[in-house]
Amino acid sequence: MGVIFKILRHSSIILSLFVALFFAIMANAQVITPTIKTGIEQKFNVYLTGYSYWDNTPPESAIISHPVIHKIAGGTGSFTDPITLAVGHSIIEGKDILDFPAGTKFYIALLRKYAIVEDSCGDGDSPQNVPCHIGYKGVPWLDIYVDGAGLKKEMSDQCASHITDIQMVILTPKPNYPVVLGSITNSGCEIFKN
């Protein structure tokens, strides 16, 4: 009986250590965010979602956390007036650290829009534990402002849902890509396959 007790005790210790190790690894797992190389375009996939005036934090507002070009979320999608983009972030020792620095530009080919990091995605005391920071299926998560202030919430939600997908973006893009000007909701939430 003593031998069985020892085996069971050691098995439970090993299982406990394995479980603890598994959760420690998962807690520290995160998406590898590409290193920004100034002036060099980098293409990679992201999980793109949309947020609107209706589901912003606080709701029914266009307030942003890290203004660069705009005082509130907005933009027409041009290189000089890119649309506000929210990215994951962490709070470390009381500092709010964005996954991509404020002012980072992207080109989103399927929307034919330029976007700029001006907002954070994920609320609470530990935003580093929510999907915006963790990513989706191994790719970074970006959340673009679709606007929708002049529409019903349901229409803004449909637009955000329509553009949500894993898609290729260009980090630090050149200024000469095709653009359809206007907020995403005002340009019909159109997706361009070519």
C-alpha atoms as a PDB file:
ATOM      1  CA  MET A   1       0.000   0.000   0.000  1.00  0.00           C
ATOM      2  CA  GLY A   2       2.882   2.365   0.783  1.00  0.00           C
ATOM      3  CA  VAL A   3       4.333   1.918  -2.714  1.00  0.00           C
ATOM      4  CA  ILE A   4       1.006   2.747  -4.353  1.00  0.00           C
ATOM      5  CA  PHE A   5       0.651   5.853  -2.179  1.00  0.00           C
ATOM      6  CA  LYS A   6       4.156   7.022  -3.184  1.00  0.00           C
ATOM      7  CA  ILE A   7       3.410   6.476  -6.890  1.00  0.00           C
ATOM      8  CA  LEU A   8       0.118   8.341  -6.641  1.00  0.00           C
ATOM      9  CA  ARG A   9       1.717  11.177  -4.689  1.00  0.00           C
ATOM     10  CA  HIS A  10       4.531  11.533  -7.253  1.00  0.00           C
ATOM     11  CA  SER A  11       2.046  11.309 -10.140  1.00  0.00           C
ATOM     12  CA  SER A  12      -0.065  14.101  -8.689  1.00  0.00           C
ATOM     13  CA  ILE A  13       3.035  16.248  -8.139  1.00  0.00           C
ATOM     14  CA  ILE A  14       4.159  15.667 -11.730  1.00  0.00           C
ATOM     15  CA  LEU A  15       0.661  16.411 -13.026  1.00  0.00           C
ATOM     16  CA  SER A  16       0.513  19.595 -10.941  1.00  0.00           C
ATOM     17  CA  LEU A  17       3.880  20.722 -12.271  1.00  0.00           C
ATOM     18  CA  PHE A  18       2.809  19.966 -15.844  1.00  0.00           C
ATOM     19  CA  VAL A  19      -0.433  21.938 -15.441  1.00  0.00           C
ATOM     20  CA  ALA A  20       1.415  24.869 -13.850  1.00  0.00           C
ATOM     21  CA  LEU A  21       4.004  24.855 -16.649  1.00  0.00           C
ATOM     22  CA  PHE A  22       1.280  24.699 -19.313  1.00  0.00           C
ATOM     23  CA  PHE A  23      -0.546  27.727 -17.883  1.00  0.00           C
ATOM     24  CA  ALA A  24       2.699  29.660 -17.440  1.00  0.00           C
ATOM     25  CA  ILE A  25       3.552  29.084 -21.092  1.00  0.00           C
ATOM     26  CA  MET A  26       0.051  30.056 -22.243  1.00  0.00           C
ATOM     27  CA  ALA A  27       0.070  33.217 -20.103  1.00  0.00           C
ATOM     28  CA  ASN A  28       3.300  34.339 -21.720  1.00  0.00           C
ATOM     29  CA  ALA A  29       2.340  33.264 -25.251  1.00  0.00           C
ATOM     30  CA  GLN A  30       1.817  36.160 -27.573  1.00  0.00           C
ATOM     31  CA  VAL A  31       1.829  36.998 -31.217  1.00  0.00           C
ATOM     32  CA  ILE A  32       5.151  38.011 -32.661  1.00  0.00           C
ATOM     33  CA  THR A  33       4.747  41.611 -33.748  1.00  0.00           C
ATOM     34  CA  PRO A  34       6.963  42.505 -36.712  1.00  0.00           C
ATOM     35  CA  THR A  35       9.828  44.867 -36.018  1.00  0.00           C
ATOM     36  CA  ILE A  36       9.170  48.214 -37.660  1.00  0.00           C
ATOM     37  CA  LYS A  37      11.899  49.117 -40.128  1.00  0.00           C
ATOM     38  CA  THR A  38      11.636  52.801 -40.981  1.00  0.00           C
ATOM     39  CA  GLY A  39      11.022  53.392 -44.668  1.00  0.00           C
ATOM     40  CA  ILE A  40      10.850  49.694 -45.511  1.00  0.00           C
ATOM     41  CA  GLU A  41       7.505  48.226 -46.475  1.00  0.00           C
ATOM     42  CA  GLN A  42       6.631  44.979 -44.750  1.00  0.00           C
ATOM     43  CA  LYS A  43       3.704  42.793 -45.814  1.00  0.00           C
ATOM     44  CA  PHE A  44       2.121  40.379 -43.369  1.00  0.00           C
ATOM     45  CA  ASN A  45      -1.254  39.010 -42.352  1.00  0.00           C
ATOM     46  CA  VAL A  46      -3.353  40.446 -39.537  1.00  0.00           C
ATOM     47  CA  TYR A  47      -6.767  39.736 -38.116  1.00  0.00           C
ATOM     48  CA  LEU A  48      -8.686  42.899 -38.988  1.00  0.00           C
ATOM     49  CA  THR A  49     -11.846  43.816 -37.128  1.00  0.00           C
ATOM     50  CA  GLY A  50     -13.841  47.025 -37.037  1.00  0.00           C
ATOM     51  CA  TYR A  51     -15.135  49.191 -34.231  1.00  0.00           C
ATOM     52  CA  SER A  52     -17.576  52.052 -34.453  1.00  0.00           C
ATOM     53  CA  TYR A  53     -18.887  55.126 -32.750  1.00  0.00           C
ATOM     54  CA  TRP A  54     -21.450  52.830 -31.105  1.00  0.00           C
ATOM     55  CA  ASP A  55     -19.096  50.268 -29.526  1.00  0.00           C
ATOM     56  CA  ASN A  56     -16.086  52.460 -28.820  1.00  0.00           C
ATOM     57  CA  THR A  57     -14.931  52.960 -25.239  1.00  0.00           C
ATOM     58  CA  PRO A  58     -16.847  54.861 -23.993  1.00  0.00           C
ATOM     59  CA  PRO A  59     -19.826  53.879 -26.196  1.00  0.00           C
ATOM     60  CA  GLU A  60     -21.358  56.465 -28.517  1.00  0.00           C
ATOM     61  CA  SER A  61     -18.115  58.386 -28.812  1.00  0.00           C
ATOM     62  CA  ALA A  62     -15.088  58.731 -31.060  1.00  0.00           C
ATOM     63  CA  ILE A  63     -12.615  59.263 -28.190  1.00  0.00           C
ATOM     64  CA  ILE A  64      -9.134  57.842 -28.849  1.00  0.00           C
ATOM     65  CA  SER A  65      -6.329  57.055 -26.437  1.00  0.00           C
ATOM     66  CA  HIS A  66      -3.236  58.063 -28.463  1.00  0.00           C
ATOM     67  CA  PRO A  67      -4.081  60.929 -30.876  1.00  0.00           C
ATOM     68  CA  VAL A  68      -1.505  61.613 -33.572  1.00  0.00           C
ATOM     69  CA  ILE A  69      -3.269  63.209 -36.557  1.00  0.00           C
ATOM     70  CA  HIS A  70      -6.852  63.234 -35.311  1.00  0.00           C
ATOM     71  CA  LYS A  71      -8.288  64.531 -32.030  1.00  0.00           C
ATOM     72  CA  ILE A  72     -11.048  61.922 -32.289  1.00  0.00           C
ATOM     73  CA  ALA A  73     -11.295  58.701 -34.324  1.00  0.00           C
ATOM     74  CA  GLY A  74     -11.726  59.372 -38.020  1.00  0.00           C
ATOM     75  CA  GLY A  75      -9.931  59.815 -41.314  1.00  0.00           C
ATOM     76  CA  THR A  76     -10.713  59.450 -44.990  1.00  0.00           C
ATOM     77  CA  GLY A  77      -8.236  56.651 -45.726  1.00  0.00           C
ATOM     78  CA  SER A  78      -5.732  58.703 -47.733  1.00  0.00           C
ATOM     79  CA  PHE A  79      -2.011  58.627 -46.983  1.00  0.00           C
ATOM     80  CA  THR A  80      -2.219  62.104 -45.412  1.00  0.00           C
ATOM     81  CA  ASP A  81      -5.526  61.440 -43.611  1.00  0.00           C
ATOM     82  CA  PRO A  82      -5.393  57.747 -42.643  1.00  0.00           C
ATOM     83  CA  ILE A  83      -8.209  56.130 -40.659  1.00  0.00           C
ATOM     84  CA  THR A  84      -7.752  55.619 -36.920  1.00  0.00           C
ATOM     85  CA  LEU A  85      -6.605  52.140 -35.985  1.00  0.00           C
ATOM     86  CA  ALA A  86      -6.680  50.527 -32.541  1.00  0.00           C
ATOM     87  CA  VAL A  87      -4.065  47.950 -31.541  1.00  0.00           C
ATOM     88  CA  GLY A  88      -3.527  45.702 -28.570  1.00  0.00           C
ATOM     89  CA  HIS A  89      -1.594  47.002 -25.616  1.00  0.00           C
ATOM     90  CA  SER A  90      -0.133  46.071 -22.255  1.00  0.00           C
ATOM     91  CA  ILE A  91      -0.028  47.856 -18.959  1.00  0.00           C
ATOM     92  CA  ILE A  92       3.398  47.222 -17.494  1.00  0.00           C
ATOM     93  CA  GLU A  93       4.459  48.967 -14.285  1.00  0.00           C
ATOM     94  CA  GLY A  94       1.635  51.452 -14.806  1.00  0.00           C
ATOM     95  CA  LYS A  95       2.698  52.317 -18.378  1.00  0.00           C
ATOM     96  CA  ASP A  96       0.390  51.799 -21.344  1.00  0.00           C
ATOM     97  CA  ILE A  97       2.495  50.203 -24.098  1.00  0.00           C
ATOM     98  CA  LEU A  98       0.936  49.765 -27.548  1.00  0.00           C
ATOM     99  CA  ASP A  99       1.777  46.688 -29.634  1.00  0.00           C
ATOM    100  CA  PHE A 100       2.593  49.062 -32.513  1.00  0.00           C
ATOM    101  CA  PRO A 101       3.676  52.628 -31.647  1.00  0.00           C
ATOM    102  CA  ALA A 102       1.221  55.492 -32.036  1.00  0.00           C
ATOM    103  CA  GLY A 103       1.671  56.995 -35.505  1.00  0.00           C
ATOM    104  CA  THR A 104       2.506  53.688 -37.203  1.00  0.00           C
ATOM    105  CA  LYS A 105       0.910  53.594 -40.663  1.00  0.00           C
ATOM    106  CA  PHE A 106      -0.580  50.641 -42.500  1.00  0.00           C
ATOM    107  CA  TYR A 107      -2.153  50.152 -45.909  1.00  0.00           C
ATOM    108  CA  ILE A 108      -5.098  47.759 -45.997  1.00  0.00           C
ATOM    109  CA  ALA A 109      -5.439  46.636 -49.615  1.00  0.00           C
ATOM    110  CA  LEU A 110      -8.829  44.934 -49.257  1.00  0.00           C
ATOM    111  CA  LEU A 111     -10.313  48.226 -48.023  1.00  0.00           C
ATOM    112  CA  ARG A 112      -8.113  50.485 -50.164  1.00  0.00           C
ATOM    113  CA  LYS A 113      -7.430  52.585 -47.081  1.00  0.00           C
ATOM    114  CA  TYR A 114      -4.416  53.832 -45.189  1.00  0.00           C
ATOM    115  CA  ALA A 115      -4.694  53.573 -41.413  1.00  0.00           C
ATOM    116  CA  ILE A 116      -2.743  54.975 -38.471  1.00  0.00           C
ATOM    117  CA  VAL A 117      -2.350  53.721 -34.915  1.00  0.00           C
ATOM    118  CA  GLU A 118      -4.111  56.219 -32.645  1.00  0.00           C
ATOM    119  CA  ASP A 119      -6.123  54.045 -30.266  1.00  0.00           C
ATOM    120  CA  SER A 120      -5.854  51.036 -28.007  1.00  0.00           C
ATOM    121  CA  CYS A 121      -7.967  47.912 -28.201  1.00  0.00           C
ATOM    122  CA  GLY A 122      -8.835  46.013 -25.033  1.00  0.00           C
ATOM    123  CA  ASP A 123     -10.090  47.315 -21.722  1.00  0.00           C
ATOM    124  CA  GLY A 124      -9.486  46.671 -18.058  1.00  0.00           C
ATOM    125  CA  ASP A 125      -6.481  46.396 -15.793  1.00  0.00           C
ATOM    126  CA  SER A 126      -4.846  43.606 -17.840  1.00  0.00           C
ATOM    127  CA  PRO A 127      -5.410  44.353 -21.548  1.00  0.00           C
ATOM    128  CA  GLN A 128      -2.453  42.107 -22.312  1.00  0.00           C
ATOM    129  CA  ASN A 129      -4.720  39.151 -21.498  1.00  0.00           C
ATOM    130  CA  VAL A 130      -7.384  39.934 -24.098  1.00  0.00           C
ATOM    131  CA  PRO A 131      -7.528  38.998 -27.798  1.00  0.00           C
ATOM    132  CA  CYS A 132      -6.416  42.366 -29.206  1.00  0.00           C
ATOM    133  CA  HIS A 133      -2.994  41.906 -27.623  1.00  0.00           C
ATOM    134  CA  ILE A 134      -2.808  38.120 -27.853  1.00  0.00           C
ATOM    135  CA  GLY A 135      -3.783  38.064 -31.543  1.00  0.00           C
ATOM    136  CA  TYR A 136      -5.879  35.605 -33.495  1.00  0.00           C
ATOM    137  CA  LYS A 137      -4.674  32.345 -35.051  1.00  0.00           C
ATOM    138  CA  GLY A 138      -1.057  33.452 -34.685  1.00  0.00           C
ATOM    139  CA  VAL A 139      -1.378  36.850 -36.358  1.00  0.00           C
ATOM    140  CA  PRO A 140      -1.592  40.362 -34.873  1.00  0.00           C
ATOM    141  CA  TRP A 141      -5.042  41.847 -34.275  1.00  0.00           C
ATOM    142  CA  LEU A 142      -5.852  45.313 -35.684  1.00  0.00           C
ATOM    143  CA  ASP A 143      -9.171  47.084 -35.075  1.00  0.00           C
ATOM    144  CA  ILE A 144     -10.048  49.822 -37.581  1.00  0.00           C
ATOM    145  CA  TYR A 145     -12.533  52.607 -36.933  1.00  0.00           C
ATOM    146  CA  VAL A 146     -15.495  52.174 -39.300  1.00  0.00           C
ATOM    147  CA  ASP A 147     -17.265  55.322 -37.985  1.00  0.00           C
ATOM    148  CA  GLY A 148     -21.024  54.826 -38.216  1.00  0.00           C
ATOM    149  CA  ALA A 149     -21.999  57.837 -36.100  1.00  0.00           C
ATOM    150  CA  GLY A 150     -24.628  58.801 -38.675  1.00  0.00           C
ATOM    151  CA  LEU A 151     -26.002  55.268 -38.975  1.00  0.00           C
ATOM    152  CA  LYS A 152     -27.979  52.947 -36.737  1.00  0.00           C
ATOM    153  CA  LYS A 153     -25.851  50.726 -34.495  1.00  0.00           C
ATOM    154  CA  GLU A 154     -27.000  47.588 -36.345  1.00  0.00           C
ATOM    155  CA  MET A 155     -25.666  48.944 -39.649  1.00  0.00           C
ATOM    156  CA  SER A 156     -22.303  49.810 -38.096  1.00  0.00           C
ATOM    157  CA  ASP A 157     -22.140  46.330 -36.551  1.00  0.00           C
ATOM    158  CA  GLN A 158     -22.884  44.739 -39.944  1.00  0.00           C
ATOM    159  CA  CYS A 159     -20.122  46.789 -41.547  1.00  0.00           C
ATOM    160  CA  ALA A 160     -17.603  45.786 -38.869  1.00  0.00           C
ATOM    161  CA  SER A 161     -18.604  42.154 -39.260  1.00  0.00           C
ATOM    162  CA  HIS A 162     -18.332  42.362 -43.060  1.00  0.00           C
ATOM    163  CA  ILE A 163     -14.696  43.517 -43.011  1.00  0.00           C
ATOM    164  CA  THR A 164     -13.585  41.125 -40.239  1.00  0.00           C
ATOM    165  CA  ASP A 165     -11.102  38.577 -41.567  1.00  0.00           C
ATOM    166  CA  ILE A 166      -7.463  37.604 -41.736  1.00  0.00           C
ATOM    167  CA  GLN A 167      -5.960  39.774 -44.440  1.00  0.00           C
ATOM    168  CA  MET A 168      -2.678  41.149 -45.695  1.00  0.00           C
ATOM    169  CA  VAL A 169      -1.553  44.633 -44.698  1.00  0.00           C
ATOM    170  CA  ILE A 170       1.490  46.722 -45.515  1.00  0.00           C
ATOM    171  CA  LEU A 171       3.395  48.253 -42.616  1.00  0.00           C
ATOM    172  CA  THR A 172       5.154  51.589 -43.361  1.00  0.00           C
ATOM    173  CA  PRO A 173       3.531  51.787 -46.825  1.00  0.00           C
ATOM    174  CA  LYS A 174       4.491  54.050 -49.692  1.00  0.00           C
ATOM    175  CA  PRO A 175       1.996  56.867 -50.423  1.00  0.00           C
ATOM    176  CA  ASN A 176       0.939  55.704 -53.905  1.00  0.00           C
ATOM    177  CA  TYR A 177      -1.539  52.857 -53.331  1.00  0.00           C
ATOM    178  CA  PRO A 178      -5.130  53.097 -54.648  1.00  0.00           C
ATOM    179  CA  VAL A 179      -7.549  54.678 -52.181  1.00  0.00           C
ATOM    180  CA  VAL A 180     -11.322  54.988 -51.925  1.00  0.00           C
ATOM    181  CA  LEU A 181     -11.840  58.129 -49.865  1.00  0.00           C
ATOM    182  CA  GLY A 182     -14.293  58.326 -46.994  1.00  0.00           C
ATOM    183  CA  SER A 183     -15.017  56.565 -43.759  1.00  0.00           C
ATOM    184  CA  ILE A 184     -15.488  52.827 -44.100  1.00  0.00           C
ATOM    185  CA  THR A 185     -19.236  53.019 -43.463  1.00  0.00           C
ATOM    186  CA  ASN A 186     -19.608  55.963 -45.875  1.00  0.00           C
ATOM    187  CA  SER A 187     -17.781  54.060 -48.613  1.00  0.00           C
ATOM    188  CA  GLY A 188     -20.238  51.166 -48.259  1.00  0.00           C
ATOM    189  CA  CYS A 189     -17.970  48.810 -46.265  1.00  0.00           C
ATOM    190  CA  GLU A 190     -16.668  47.716 -49.640  1.00  0.00           C
ATOM    191  CA  ILE A 191     -14.015  45.012 -49.891  1.00  0.00           C
ATOM    192  CA  PHE A 192     -11.758  44.958 -52.964  1.00  0.00           C
ATOM    193  CA  LYS A 193     -10.453  41.535 -53.963  1.00  0.00           C
ATOM    194  CA  ASN A 194      -8.053  42.851 -56.636  1.00  0.00           C
END
